[in-house]
Protein backbone atom coordinates (compact mmCIF):
# COMPACT_ATOMS: atom_id res chain seq x y z
CA MET A 1 -12.38 19.75 -17.21
CA ASN A 2 -12.24 22.48 -14.57
CA ASN A 3 -13.33 22.25 -10.97
CA LYS A 4 -16.52 24.30 -10.53
CA GLN A 5 -17.39 23.23 -7.01
CA TYR A 6 -19.29 25.08 -4.40
CA LEU A 7 -17.86 27.52 -1.90
CA GLY A 8 -14.72 29.18 -3.20
CA PRO A 9 -11.94 29.08 -0.60
CA LEU A 10 -13.44 26.07 1.14
CA VAL A 11 -13.02 24.06 -2.05
CA VAL A 12 -9.77 22.81 -3.56
CA GLU A 13 -9.36 24.41 -6.98
CA GLY A 14 -7.75 22.61 -9.88
CA LYS A 15 -8.16 19.89 -12.43
CA LEU A 16 -10.53 17.16 -11.31
CA VAL A 17 -9.22 13.61 -11.04
CA ASP A 18 -10.44 11.12 -13.62
CA ALA A 19 -12.72 9.44 -11.08
CA GLU A 20 -14.87 12.59 -11.22
CA ARG A 21 -15.23 12.27 -14.99
CA ILE A 22 -16.25 8.64 -14.60
CA LYS A 23 -18.97 9.51 -12.10
CA GLU A 24 -20.22 12.52 -14.05
CA ARG A 25 -20.60 10.55 -17.28
CA SER A 26 -21.93 7.39 -15.67
CA ASN A 27 -25.63 8.26 -16.00
CA TYR A 28 -26.05 7.79 -12.26
CA LEU A 29 -23.83 4.69 -12.00
CA ARG A 30 -25.19 2.84 -15.03
CA GLY A 31 -22.31 3.30 -17.43
CA SER A 32 -22.31 0.47 -19.97
CA ILE A 33 -22.37 -2.27 -17.34
CA ILE A 34 -25.25 -4.11 -19.03
CA ALA A 35 -23.33 -4.27 -22.31
CA ASP A 36 -20.28 -5.60 -20.46
CA LEU A 37 -22.37 -8.36 -18.91
CA ASP A 38 -23.22 -9.52 -22.42
CA ASP A 39 -19.55 -9.48 -23.49
CA HIS A 40 -18.33 -13.07 -23.20
CA VAL A 41 -14.89 -12.40 -24.68
CA THR A 42 -13.53 -11.33 -21.29
CA GLY A 43 -14.39 -12.29 -17.77
CA GLY A 44 -13.88 -8.72 -16.60
CA PHE A 45 -15.34 -5.25 -17.07
CA ASN A 46 -14.02 -2.65 -19.48
CA GLY A 47 -13.04 0.99 -19.10
CA ASP A 48 -15.10 3.04 -16.67
CA ASN A 49 -17.21 0.04 -15.68
CA PHE A 50 -14.24 -1.38 -13.79
CA SER A 51 -14.74 1.51 -11.35
CA LEU A 52 -18.54 1.81 -11.56
CA ILE A 53 -19.26 -1.74 -10.41
CA ARG A 54 -17.74 -0.78 -7.07
CA PHE A 55 -20.72 1.48 -6.36
CA HIS A 56 -22.79 -1.68 -6.74
CA GLY A 57 -20.70 -3.44 -4.10
CA MET A 58 -18.18 -5.33 -6.23
CA TYR A 59 -14.46 -5.26 -6.98
CA GLN A 60 -12.91 -6.89 -10.02
CA GLN A 61 -10.05 -9.14 -8.95
CA ASP A 62 -7.95 -12.00 -10.21
CA ASP A 63 -6.01 -14.79 -8.56
CA ARG A 64 -2.50 -13.33 -8.31
CA ASP A 65 -1.06 -16.75 -7.59
CA LEU A 66 -1.99 -17.66 -11.18
CA ARG A 67 -0.96 -14.43 -12.94
CA ALA A 68 2.52 -15.47 -14.05
CA GLU A 69 1.41 -18.92 -15.18
CA ARG A 70 -1.51 -17.54 -17.20
CA ALA A 71 0.67 -14.81 -18.72
CA GLU A 72 3.20 -17.44 -19.78
CA GLN A 73 0.35 -19.35 -21.44
CA LYS A 74 -0.75 -16.07 -23.11
CA LEU A 75 -4.06 -16.20 -21.28
CA ASP A 76 -5.92 -13.29 -19.74
CA ALA A 77 -5.94 -13.05 -15.97
CA ARG A 78 -8.71 -15.15 -14.42
CA HIS A 79 -11.05 -12.31 -13.58
CA ALA A 80 -13.65 -12.78 -10.88
CA MET A 81 -15.54 -10.43 -8.59
CA MET A 82 -15.53 -9.89 -4.88
CA LEU A 83 -18.95 -8.83 -3.60
CA ARG A 84 -19.51 -7.19 -0.22
CA CYS A 85 -23.02 -7.27 1.25
CA ARG A 86 -24.68 -4.23 2.84
CA LEU A 87 -25.49 -5.36 6.36
CA PRO A 88 -25.82 -2.35 8.71
CA GLY A 89 -25.06 -3.39 12.27
CA GLY A 90 -24.02 -6.87 11.12
CA VAL A 91 -27.33 -8.64 11.83
CA ILE A 92 -28.30 -11.55 9.59
CA THR A 93 -30.98 -14.20 10.07
CA SER A 94 -30.33 -17.93 10.00
CA LYS A 95 -32.51 -18.21 6.88
CA GLN A 96 -30.42 -15.57 5.12
CA TRP A 97 -27.26 -17.35 6.21
CA LEU A 98 -28.34 -20.62 4.62
CA ALA A 99 -28.97 -18.81 1.32
CA ILE A 100 -25.51 -17.21 1.23
CA ASP A 101 -23.92 -20.51 2.28
CA LYS A 102 -25.60 -22.25 -0.65
CA PHE A 103 -24.48 -19.62 -3.14
CA SER A 104 -20.88 -19.65 -1.93
CA LYS A 105 -20.77 -23.40 -2.27
CA GLU A 106 -22.31 -23.57 -5.73
CA LYS A 107 -21.19 -20.43 -7.54
CA THR A 108 -17.91 -19.08 -6.20
CA LEU A 109 -14.40 -20.19 -7.07
CA TYR A 110 -13.23 -20.51 -3.46
CA GLY A 111 -16.36 -21.77 -1.71
CA SER A 112 -15.80 -19.56 1.32
CA ILE A 113 -17.66 -16.85 3.21
CA ARG A 114 -15.35 -14.09 4.46
CA LEU A 115 -16.46 -12.09 7.51
CA THR A 116 -14.97 -8.59 7.29
CA ASN A 117 -14.11 -5.97 9.86
CA ARG A 118 -16.78 -3.82 8.19
CA GLN A 119 -19.26 -6.03 10.07
CA THR A 120 -20.52 -7.81 6.99
CA PHE A 121 -19.56 -10.70 4.70
CA GLN A 122 -17.87 -10.98 1.32
CA PHE A 123 -17.96 -13.52 -1.47
CA HIS A 124 -14.67 -13.97 -3.32
CA GLY A 125 -14.41 -15.49 -6.79
CA ILE A 126 -17.76 -14.78 -8.48
CA LEU A 127 -17.50 -15.20 -12.25
CA LYS A 128 -19.19 -12.55 -14.37
CA GLN A 129 -21.92 -14.92 -15.58
CA HIS A 130 -23.07 -15.40 -11.96
CA LEU A 131 -23.27 -11.74 -10.98
CA GLN A 132 -26.94 -11.18 -11.68
CA SER A 133 -27.81 -14.38 -9.85
CA VAL A 134 -25.94 -13.29 -6.69
CA HIS A 135 -27.72 -9.93 -6.61
CA GLN A 136 -31.06 -11.61 -7.19
CA MET A 137 -30.33 -14.14 -4.46
CA LEU A 138 -29.56 -11.31 -2.05
CA HIS A 139 -32.70 -9.42 -3.10
CA ASN A 140 -34.83 -12.52 -2.48
CA ILE A 141 -33.62 -12.62 1.14
CA ASP A 142 -34.01 -8.82 1.63
CA LEU A 143 -30.31 -7.99 1.30
CA ASP A 144 -28.24 -6.07 -1.25
CA SER A 145 -24.73 -4.81 -1.91
CA LEU A 146 -25.54 -1.24 -2.97
CA GLY A 147 -23.09 1.34 -1.67
CA THR A 148 -20.62 -1.00 0.02
CA ALA A 149 -17.70 0.30 -2.03
CA ASN A 150 -16.42 3.42 -3.82
CA ASP A 151 -17.38 7.05 -3.14
CA VAL A 152 -20.43 6.67 -0.91
CA ASN A 153 -21.25 5.97 2.73
CA ARG A 154 -20.18 2.36 3.32
CA ASN A 155 -21.72 -0.32 5.57
CA VAL A 156 -22.69 1.32 8.87
CA LEU A 157 -21.12 -0.35 11.92
CA CYS A 158 -22.65 -0.52 15.39
CA SER A 159 -21.76 -2.11 18.71
CA SER A 160 -22.65 -5.80 18.88
CA ASN A 161 -22.82 -6.07 22.67
CA PRO A 162 -25.18 -8.89 23.70
CA MET A 163 -25.08 -7.88 27.38
CA GLU A 164 -26.96 -4.68 26.60
CA SER A 165 -29.32 -6.08 24.02
CA THR A 166 -32.10 -3.53 24.50
CA LEU A 167 -29.74 -0.62 23.95
CA HIS A 168 -28.01 -2.49 21.15
CA GLN A 169 -31.35 -2.97 19.43
CA GLU A 170 -31.99 0.77 19.57
CA VAL A 171 -28.59 1.74 18.13
CA TYR A 172 -28.92 -1.04 15.58
CA GLU A 173 -32.17 0.51 14.38
CA TRP A 174 -30.34 3.83 14.03
CA ALA A 175 -27.56 2.12 12.06
CA LYS A 176 -30.18 0.82 9.61
CA LYS A 177 -31.85 4.23 9.36
CA ILE A 178 -28.55 6.00 8.68
CA SER A 179 -27.61 3.41 6.07
CA GLU A 180 -30.95 3.79 4.26
CA HIS A 181 -30.92 7.59 4.52
CA LEU A 182 -27.48 7.91 2.94
CA LEU A 183 -27.89 5.28 0.19
CA PRO A 184 -27.64 6.26 -3.48
CA HIS A 185 -31.12 6.98 -4.88
CA THR A 186 -30.32 5.91 -8.44
CA ARG A 187 -32.34 3.01 -9.83
CA ALA A 188 -29.29 1.71 -11.66
CA TYR A 189 -28.81 -1.15 -9.18
CA ALA A 190 -32.38 -2.40 -9.64
CA GLU A 191 -32.27 -2.03 -13.42
CA ILE A 192 -28.96 -3.79 -13.96
CA TRP A 193 -28.98 -6.56 -11.39
CA LEU A 194 -32.67 -7.16 -10.64
CA ASN A 195 -33.97 -6.67 -14.20
CA LYS A 196 -36.30 -3.90 -13.08
CA GLU A 197 -37.88 -1.82 -15.82
CA LYS A 198 -36.31 1.59 -16.34
CA ILE A 199 -38.63 4.35 -15.16
CA LYS A 200 -38.80 7.40 -17.39
CA THR A 201 -37.97 9.91 -14.69
CA THR A 202 -34.85 11.89 -14.00
CA ASP A 203 -32.57 10.44 -11.33
CA VAL A 204 -31.85 12.74 -8.40
CA GLU A 205 -29.25 12.29 -5.66
CA PRO A 206 -30.39 14.81 -3.01
CA ILE A 207 -27.66 13.96 -0.48
CA LEU A 208 -24.77 12.43 -2.43
CA GLY A 209 -25.03 14.66 -5.49
CA SER A 210 -24.69 13.73 -9.15
CA THR A 211 -20.97 12.97 -8.77
CA TYR A 212 -21.33 11.35 -5.34
CA LEU A 213 -18.65 11.86 -2.67
CA PRO A 214 -14.99 12.70 -3.31
CA ARG A 215 -13.94 9.46 -1.58
CA LYS A 216 -15.27 6.59 0.49
CA PHE A 217 -17.04 7.48 3.73
CA LYS A 218 -17.40 5.29 6.83
CA THR A 219 -19.85 5.57 9.74
CA THR A 220 -20.16 3.91 13.15
CA ILE A 221 -22.46 3.93 16.18
CA VAL A 222 -20.69 3.01 19.41
CA VAL A 223 -22.01 2.03 22.83
CA PRO A 224 -19.36 2.68 25.52
CA PRO A 225 -17.42 1.22 27.21
CA HIS A 226 -16.67 -1.11 24.26
CA ASN A 227 -14.97 0.27 21.15
CA GLU A 228 -15.22 -2.93 19.14
CA VAL A 229 -15.95 -0.95 15.95
CA ASP A 230 -12.63 0.97 16.12
CA LEU A 231 -14.41 4.30 15.75
CA HIS A 232 -11.20 6.26 15.12
CA ALA A 233 -10.81 4.51 11.76
CA ASN A 234 -14.04 6.10 10.53
CA ASP A 235 -15.23 9.42 9.09
CA MET A 236 -18.39 9.87 11.19
CA ASN A 237 -19.06 8.36 14.61
CA PHE A 238 -21.98 8.49 17.00
CA ILE A 239 -21.22 7.60 20.63
CA ALA A 240 -24.40 6.59 22.47
CA ILE A 241 -25.12 8.54 25.67
CA THR A 242 -27.63 7.17 28.15
CA GLU A 243 -29.35 8.41 31.26
CA GLN A 244 -30.69 5.75 33.62
CA GLY A 245 -30.30 3.21 30.86
CA ALA A 246 -32.25 5.17 28.24
CA LEU A 247 -30.67 6.51 25.06
CA THR A 248 -30.89 10.32 25.12
CA GLY A 249 -28.46 11.38 22.40
CA PHE A 250 -25.00 11.02 20.91
CA ASN A 251 -21.57 12.56 20.98
CA LEU A 252 -20.42 13.22 17.43
CA LEU A 253 -16.81 12.51 16.37
CA ILE A 254 -15.63 13.35 12.87
CA GLY A 255 -12.52 12.79 10.78
CA GLY A 256 -11.02 9.42 11.64
CA GLY A 257 -9.15 7.46 8.98
CA LEU A 258 -6.07 5.24 8.65
CA SER A 259 -5.17 4.98 4.98
CA ILE A 260 -1.75 6.34 3.98
CA GLU A 261 0.62 5.99 1.03
CA HIS A 262 4.16 4.83 1.65
CA SER A 263 6.59 7.79 1.61
CA ASN A 264 3.84 10.29 0.72
CA LYS A 265 4.06 12.78 3.58
CA ALA A 266 0.88 14.51 2.45
CA THR A 267 -1.00 11.42 3.69
CA TYR A 268 -1.37 10.43 7.33
CA PRO A 269 -3.66 8.53 9.71
CA ARG A 270 -5.93 10.52 12.01
CA THR A 271 -8.15 9.87 15.02
CA ALA A 272 -11.62 11.44 15.00
CA SER A 273 -12.28 14.85 16.60
CA GLU A 274 -15.05 15.54 19.10
CA PHE A 275 -17.76 17.96 17.93
CA GLY A 276 -20.15 17.76 20.88
CA TYR A 277 -23.42 16.23 22.06
CA PHE A 278 -26.84 16.39 20.39
CA PRO A 279 -30.27 14.84 21.12
CA VAL A 280 -31.24 11.53 19.58
CA ASN A 281 -33.97 12.95 17.33
CA LYS A 282 -31.35 14.84 15.25
CA VAL A 283 -29.33 11.80 14.10
CA LEU A 284 -30.40 11.81 10.45
CA ASP A 285 -30.12 15.60 10.17
CA ILE A 286 -26.55 15.44 11.52
CA ALA A 287 -25.62 12.52 9.27
CA GLU A 288 -26.94 14.29 6.19
CA ALA A 289 -25.20 17.54 7.13
CA VAL A 290 -21.79 15.92 7.61
CA VAL A 291 -22.02 13.90 4.39
CA SER A 292 -23.21 16.89 2.36
CA ILE A 293 -20.36 19.06 3.68
CA GLN A 294 -17.83 16.41 2.67
CA ARG A 295 -19.60 16.22 -0.71
CA ASP A 296 -19.26 19.99 -1.17
CA TRP A 297 -15.87 20.68 0.41
CA GLY A 298 -13.93 17.44 -0.09
CA ASN A 299 -10.91 17.41 -2.39
CA ARG A 300 -11.84 16.25 -5.90
CA THR A 301 -8.43 17.11 -7.38
CA ASN A 302 -6.36 14.58 -5.41
CA ARG A 303 -7.86 11.31 -4.24
CA LYS A 304 -4.96 10.77 -1.83
CA ASN A 305 -6.23 13.81 0.11
CA ALA A 306 -9.96 13.42 -0.49
CA LYS A 307 -11.07 11.78 2.77
CA THR A 308 -12.99 13.69 5.44
CA LYS A 309 -9.94 13.82 7.70
CA TYR A 310 -8.13 16.02 5.20
CA THR A 311 -11.19 18.22 4.63
CA LEU A 312 -11.49 18.78 8.38
CA ASP A 313 -7.82 19.69 8.76
CA ARG A 314 -7.86 21.93 5.69
CA VAL A 315 -10.92 24.04 6.56
CA GLY A 316 -10.54 23.82 10.35
CA LEU A 317 -12.64 22.08 12.98
CA ASN A 318 -14.53 25.22 14.02
CA ILE A 319 -15.61 26.08 10.47
CA PHE A 320 -16.65 22.48 9.78
CA LYS A 321 -18.54 22.28 13.08
CA ALA A 322 -20.37 25.56 12.49
CA GLU A 323 -21.45 24.36 9.06
CA VAL A 324 -22.79 21.09 10.52
CA GLU A 325 -24.81 23.14 13.02
CA ARG A 326 -26.14 25.39 10.25
CA ARG A 327 -27.15 22.59 7.89
CA ALA A 328 -28.59 20.33 10.59
CA GLY A 329 -30.30 23.06 12.60
CA VAL A 330 -28.44 21.99 15.75
CA ASN A 331 -26.38 23.71 18.40
CA PHE A 332 -23.92 21.19 19.83
CA GLU A 333 -23.75 20.90 23.59
CA PRO A 334 -20.44 20.06 25.27
CA THR A 335 -19.33 16.47 24.76
CA ARG A 336 -20.90 14.22 27.41
CA PRO A 337 -18.53 12.01 29.45
CA TYR A 338 -17.78 8.53 28.11
CA GLN A 339 -15.02 5.98 28.58
CA PHE A 340 -13.70 3.03 26.61
CA THR A 341 -12.27 0.01 28.41
CA THR A 342 -12.09 -2.62 25.65
CA ARG A 343 -12.40 -3.08 21.90
CA GLY A 344 -12.12 -6.83 21.45
CA ASP A 345 -14.97 -9.32 21.33
CA ARG A 346 -15.95 -11.34 24.39
CA PHE A 347 -15.99 -15.02 23.53
CA GLY A 348 -18.16 -17.84 24.77
CA TRP A 349 -21.63 -17.62 26.29
CA ILE A 350 -22.98 -14.32 27.62
CA LYS A 351 -26.51 -13.93 28.93
CA GLY A 352 -28.47 -10.95 27.67
CA ILE A 353 -30.83 -8.89 29.77
CA ASP A 354 -33.74 -10.47 27.86
CA ASN A 355 -32.75 -13.84 29.39
CA THR A 356 -31.57 -15.30 26.10
CA TRP A 357 -27.97 -16.35 25.48
CA ASN A 358 -25.37 -15.12 23.02
CA LEU A 359 -22.46 -17.28 21.87
CA THR A 360 -19.49 -15.45 20.36
CA LEU A 361 -17.35 -17.64 18.12
CA PHE A 362 -13.75 -16.85 17.18
CA ILE A 363 -13.33 -17.08 13.40
CA GLU A 364 -9.66 -16.71 12.53
CA ASN A 365 -9.28 -14.13 9.74
CA GLY A 366 -13.07 -14.21 9.38
CA ARG A 367 -12.63 -17.00 6.83
CA LEU A 368 -15.40 -19.62 6.92
CA LEU A 369 -14.31 -22.62 4.91
CA ASP A 370 -14.22 -26.36 5.49
CA TYR A 371 -10.66 -27.07 6.62
CA HIS A 372 -9.20 -30.51 7.33
CA ASN A 373 -10.62 -31.67 10.68
CA ARG A 374 -12.40 -28.30 11.06
CA PRO A 375 -15.37 -28.02 8.68
CA LEU A 376 -16.25 -24.52 9.90
CA LYS A 377 -18.52 -23.52 7.06
CA THR A 378 -20.57 -26.71 7.25
CA GLY A 379 -20.81 -26.23 11.01
CA MET A 380 -22.22 -22.72 10.62
CA ALA A 381 -24.82 -24.05 8.19
CA GLU A 382 -25.80 -26.74 10.72
CA ILE A 383 -26.19 -24.08 13.43
CA ALA A 384 -28.30 -21.98 11.05
CA ARG A 385 -30.60 -24.94 10.51
CA ALA A 386 -30.94 -25.51 14.25
CA HIS A 387 -31.22 -21.88 15.38
CA GLN A 388 -34.26 -19.76 14.62
CA GLY A 389 -32.74 -16.47 15.77
CA ASN A 390 -30.13 -14.12 14.36
CA PHE A 391 -26.39 -14.03 13.89
CA ARG A 392 -24.43 -10.85 14.57
CA LEU A 393 -21.21 -10.29 12.68
CA THR A 394 -18.65 -8.27 14.59
CA ALA A 395 -16.19 -5.63 13.43
CA ASN A 396 -13.39 -7.98 14.53
CA GLN A 397 -14.28 -10.67 11.95
CA ASN A 398 -16.08 -12.89 14.46
CA LEU A 399 -19.65 -14.12 14.74
CA ILE A 400 -22.25 -14.10 17.51
CA ILE A 401 -25.12 -16.58 17.61
CA SER A 402 -27.65 -14.32 19.31
CA GLY A 403 -30.96 -14.78 21.03
CA VAL A 404 -30.41 -18.46 21.92
CA LYS A 405 -33.16 -19.76 24.19
CA GLU A 406 -32.20 -21.83 27.22
CA PHE A 407 -33.47 -25.07 25.72
CA GLU A 408 -31.40 -24.49 22.52
CA LYS A 409 -28.14 -23.81 24.29
CA ASN A 410 -26.73 -27.33 24.69
CA ASN A 411 -27.51 -28.30 21.10
CA ILE A 412 -25.94 -25.14 19.67
CA GLU A 413 -22.79 -25.67 21.71
CA HIS A 414 -22.63 -29.34 20.70
CA ILE A 415 -22.73 -28.42 17.00
CA ALA A 416 -20.16 -25.65 17.46
CA ARG A 417 -17.71 -27.97 19.20
CA LEU A 418 -18.32 -30.83 16.79
CA TYR A 419 -17.33 -28.71 13.78
CA GLY A 420 -14.39 -26.92 15.37
CA LEU A 421 -16.14 -23.59 15.89
CA MET A 422 -15.49 -23.63 19.64
CA ARG A 423 -11.88 -24.33 20.50
CA ASN A 424 -9.37 -23.00 22.95
CA VAL A 425 -7.39 -20.13 21.45
CA SER A 426 -5.11 -17.68 23.20
CA HIS A 427 -6.04 -14.13 24.07
CA GLN A 428 -3.25 -13.14 21.71
CA ARG A 429 -4.88 -14.89 18.77
CA GLN A 430 -8.26 -13.41 19.67
CA ASN A 431 -6.76 -9.91 19.56
CA SER A 432 -4.95 -10.25 16.23
CA MET A 433 -6.30 -9.49 12.80
CA ALA A 434 -5.28 -9.32 9.14
CA CYS A 435 -6.75 -8.11 5.88
CA VAL A 436 -7.41 -10.46 2.92
CA SER A 437 -4.35 -9.44 0.85
CA PHE A 438 -2.98 -12.16 -1.47
CA PRO A 439 -4.08 -13.85 -3.62
CA THR A 440 -7.20 -11.85 -4.48
CA CYS A 441 -6.61 -8.22 -3.45
CA PRO A 442 -5.15 -6.19 -6.36
CA LEU A 443 -3.59 -3.67 -3.95
CA ALA A 444 -1.67 -6.21 -1.86
CA MET A 445 2.07 -5.65 -1.51
CA ALA A 446 2.75 -8.43 1.01
CA GLU A 447 0.97 -11.38 2.60
CA ALA A 448 -1.44 -10.80 5.49
CA GLU A 449 -4.30 -13.30 6.02
CA ARG A 450 -2.31 -16.32 4.90
CA ILE A 451 0.66 -15.63 7.17
CA LEU A 452 -1.21 -14.40 10.26
CA PRO A 453 -1.88 -17.81 11.89
CA LYS A 454 1.78 -18.91 11.84
CA PHE A 455 3.01 -15.47 12.82
CA ILE A 456 0.71 -15.45 15.86
CA THR A 457 1.94 -18.92 16.80
CA CYS A 458 5.45 -17.43 16.95
CA ILE A 459 4.20 -14.53 19.08
CA GLU A 460 2.45 -16.99 21.38
CA GLU A 461 5.73 -18.84 21.83
CA ILE A 462 7.49 -15.58 22.73
CA MET A 463 4.74 -14.71 25.22
CA ALA A 464 4.99 -18.17 26.80
CA LYS A 465 8.77 -17.92 27.00
CA TYR A 466 8.41 -14.85 29.21
CA GLY A 467 5.54 -16.24 31.28
CA ILE A 468 2.73 -14.08 29.92
CA GLU A 469 0.90 -16.57 27.73
CA ASP A 470 -2.44 -15.41 29.18
CA ASP A 471 -1.81 -11.77 28.26
CA TYR A 472 -2.15 -10.17 24.83
CA ILE A 473 -0.99 -7.39 22.53
CA VAL A 474 -3.37 -5.90 19.94
CA LEU A 475 -1.62 -6.92 16.72
CA ARG A 476 -2.67 -6.28 13.14
CA ILE A 477 -1.12 -7.16 9.76
CA SER A 478 -2.11 -5.31 6.61
CA GLY A 479 -0.89 -6.25 3.16
CA CYS A 480 -0.73 -2.61 2.04
CA PRO A 481 -1.10 0.87 3.57
CA ASN A 482 -4.80 1.29 2.74
CA GLY A 483 -5.87 0.51 6.30
CA CYS A 484 -8.23 -2.47 5.91
CA ALA A 485 -6.77 -4.37 8.90
CA ARG A 486 -6.64 -1.15 10.97
CA ALA A 487 -2.95 -1.73 11.70
CA LEU A 488 -2.51 1.97 12.49
CA LEU A 489 -4.66 1.60 15.58
CA ALA A 490 -2.75 -1.43 16.88
CA GLU A 491 -0.16 -1.80 19.63
CA ILE A 492 1.89 -3.67 17.03
CA GLY A 493 1.10 -2.99 13.39
CA LEU A 494 2.76 -4.55 10.36
CA ILE A 495 2.05 -2.90 7.00
CA GLY A 496 3.20 -4.59 3.81
CA LYS A 497 5.70 -2.75 1.63
CA ALA A 498 6.93 -5.46 -0.75
CA PRO A 499 6.72 -9.27 -0.91
CA GLY A 500 7.98 -10.49 2.47
CA ARG A 501 8.77 -6.95 3.71
CA TYR A 502 6.85 -4.81 6.21
CA ASN A 503 6.99 -1.53 8.08
CA LEU A 504 6.72 -2.16 11.82
CA TYR A 505 4.67 0.28 13.91
CA LEU A 506 4.52 0.40 17.72
CA GLY A 507 2.65 2.37 20.35
CA GLY A 508 -1.08 2.19 19.81
CA ASN A 509 -3.20 1.24 22.81
CA ARG A 510 -5.64 -1.46 23.77
CA ILE A 511 -8.77 0.70 23.46
CA GLY A 512 -7.98 1.99 19.96
CA THR A 513 -7.56 5.71 20.62
CA ARG A 514 -3.88 6.20 19.73
CA ILE A 515 -1.95 5.93 16.46
CA PRO A 516 1.34 3.97 16.57
CA ARG A 517 4.64 5.28 15.21
CA ILE A 518 6.97 3.55 12.76
CA TYR A 519 9.76 1.69 14.59
CA ARG A 520 11.49 -0.21 11.79
CA GLU A 521 11.10 0.10 8.03
CA ASN A 522 11.20 -2.65 5.42
CA VAL A 523 11.79 -5.62 7.74
CA SER A 524 11.12 -9.28 7.10
CA LEU A 525 8.71 -11.20 9.29
CA GLN A 526 11.60 -13.16 10.77
CA ASP A 527 13.49 -10.00 11.64
CA SER A 528 10.34 -8.48 13.13
CA LEU A 529 9.98 -11.52 15.40
CA VAL A 530 13.55 -11.05 16.64
CA ILE A 531 12.82 -7.38 17.34
CA LEU A 532 9.53 -8.17 19.08
CA ASP A 533 11.14 -10.89 21.20
CA GLY A 534 13.50 -8.31 22.69
CA LEU A 535 10.79 -5.69 23.16
CA ILE A 536 8.35 -8.13 24.78
CA LYS A 537 11.10 -9.26 27.16
CA GLU A 538 11.71 -5.63 28.08
CA TRP A 539 7.98 -5.05 28.56
CA VAL A 540 7.65 -8.04 30.89
CA GLN A 541 10.62 -6.95 33.00
CA GLU A 542 9.78 -3.26 33.27
CA ARG A 543 6.02 -2.84 32.81
CA ALA A 544 3.84 -1.15 35.38
CA GLN A 545 1.03 -3.25 36.82
CA GLU A 546 -1.18 -4.52 33.95
CA GLU A 547 0.38 -1.96 31.60
CA GLY A 548 -0.34 -2.74 27.96
CA PHE A 549 2.50 -3.18 25.49
CA GLY A 550 1.62 -0.03 23.56
CA ASP A 551 1.44 2.11 26.70
CA PHE A 552 4.81 0.71 27.79
CA ALA A 553 6.33 1.48 24.40
CA ILE A 554 5.33 5.12 24.81
CA ARG A 555 6.20 5.48 28.50
CA SER A 556 9.62 3.88 28.14
CA GLY A 557 10.50 5.94 25.08
CA ILE A 558 10.75 3.04 22.64
CA VAL A 559 8.70 5.31 20.37
CA GLN A 560 7.45 8.85 20.83
CA PRO A 561 3.68 9.44 20.80
CA ILE A 562 1.97 10.83 17.71
CA LEU A 563 0.52 14.12 18.96
CA ASN A 564 -0.47 15.75 15.67
CA PRO A 565 -0.48 13.24 12.80
CA ALA A 566 -0.59 15.90 10.09
CA HIS A 567 2.77 17.19 11.30
CA ASP A 568 4.59 14.47 13.23
CA PHE A 569 3.47 11.09 11.83
CA TRP A 570 6.41 11.00 9.39
CA ASN A 571 9.01 12.57 11.72
């Protein structure tokens, strides 16, 4: 199968990867998924369907803790699905929450709800026989999982700042519009999961094309000065620009992304590049232009180099920018001034400008489950029953109870404290994050979520030893190099390489605009703690006033800054 893409030298010539065959022959994402649902011999999906279900928001997984035991018993792996909801901007009602809580309790293997740093939630452990029921449950509460995985625009993130609720509402509406505008148009989702009758018309994908995008695509809308969505991890970013409090337009940044492959020097992380400013009424035109360019010019011969960041570097920023202007009918103005000061969530009660209150709860690892003496999941259900407003999920795996009226406030706080949802945690713990990793992620090379709490306890002890227990370092642990925990935007990043072994990266900054550099390769967690003890001691003794750890690591020469990731990330 030869590559007959669009624009000659702007397109990578060569043999298409097999993922392109799967998409082309899928009949607009239908494949033979329905037949697989009726196959009770296996709990998984066969052949191409293993990939196609991802377009519908699901990944096939198995419990890796049980693999060896089941293999010894000559049993198949215990296949189950992870489903990720489409929730642009992370807003969910209390009624919707109660429905997903009920489903997780009754029809998942683990009984948990996992808040993700894609500002949505995931179910883990859905058996194949329950898949149609989960999609129908979501449909009944006006939600879905379409386009939350594989080669499409993923869940659209936006700032969840309760102090600027009017502006947040406006950018949230744009997040929803972008999400809807860029969704797949195929009726496959409705036919397969909602039992909708097949309409005898030809499917058309006017934006994504019949073979969709070359790779996943991620979008954010950001309200400065808070970069809580980590915009530089994303392909397309809109930075809100205001005049006298009113939204006038956006700065566009393109080409962020963090996924790499160990030892593959053709892969690298990249921060997003500034394209310029445009007026607010051109948002959808710009979004469509950028996505269609990546559709047409992205690399379909090598998935490791198929993300927008590689397309931008290959064709050049000026050529890419000119094509966005041509397709969108826009002439970019110079980038308007903006500044980031934070990217973490602000916990506790914050009053919005509409005179309602917002309570941000710290959810370690985003995992809502009933633990011993901390029944977090039950507590969230009790809050949902008591609160008539919305919840906002954050891109840092936390949850905001938003729009709380004055008379509700004491009761909401009482419930939160009673169930362990409001407790004193260090700034260090609040600014640390991990991906899911073992036991369910098939890509995991090392532990992440399960070891983060104890690892942070050790870091807290080091911080206390040197008298800075109230300070913090942005720290992320990822079980593999695919970037889910955004470790390559951290001051300290640990990326799994093998069971119990990690590459240690240093030198990102607190606002998420700098990529760290590798400091030690293939270290154990214990060895990394010894290394970090010495470096934190050095930081405390020699830091400038309020200097962050990552800035100190660069200034003192512990690591050299990454100036051009395509050329010096691996040096």
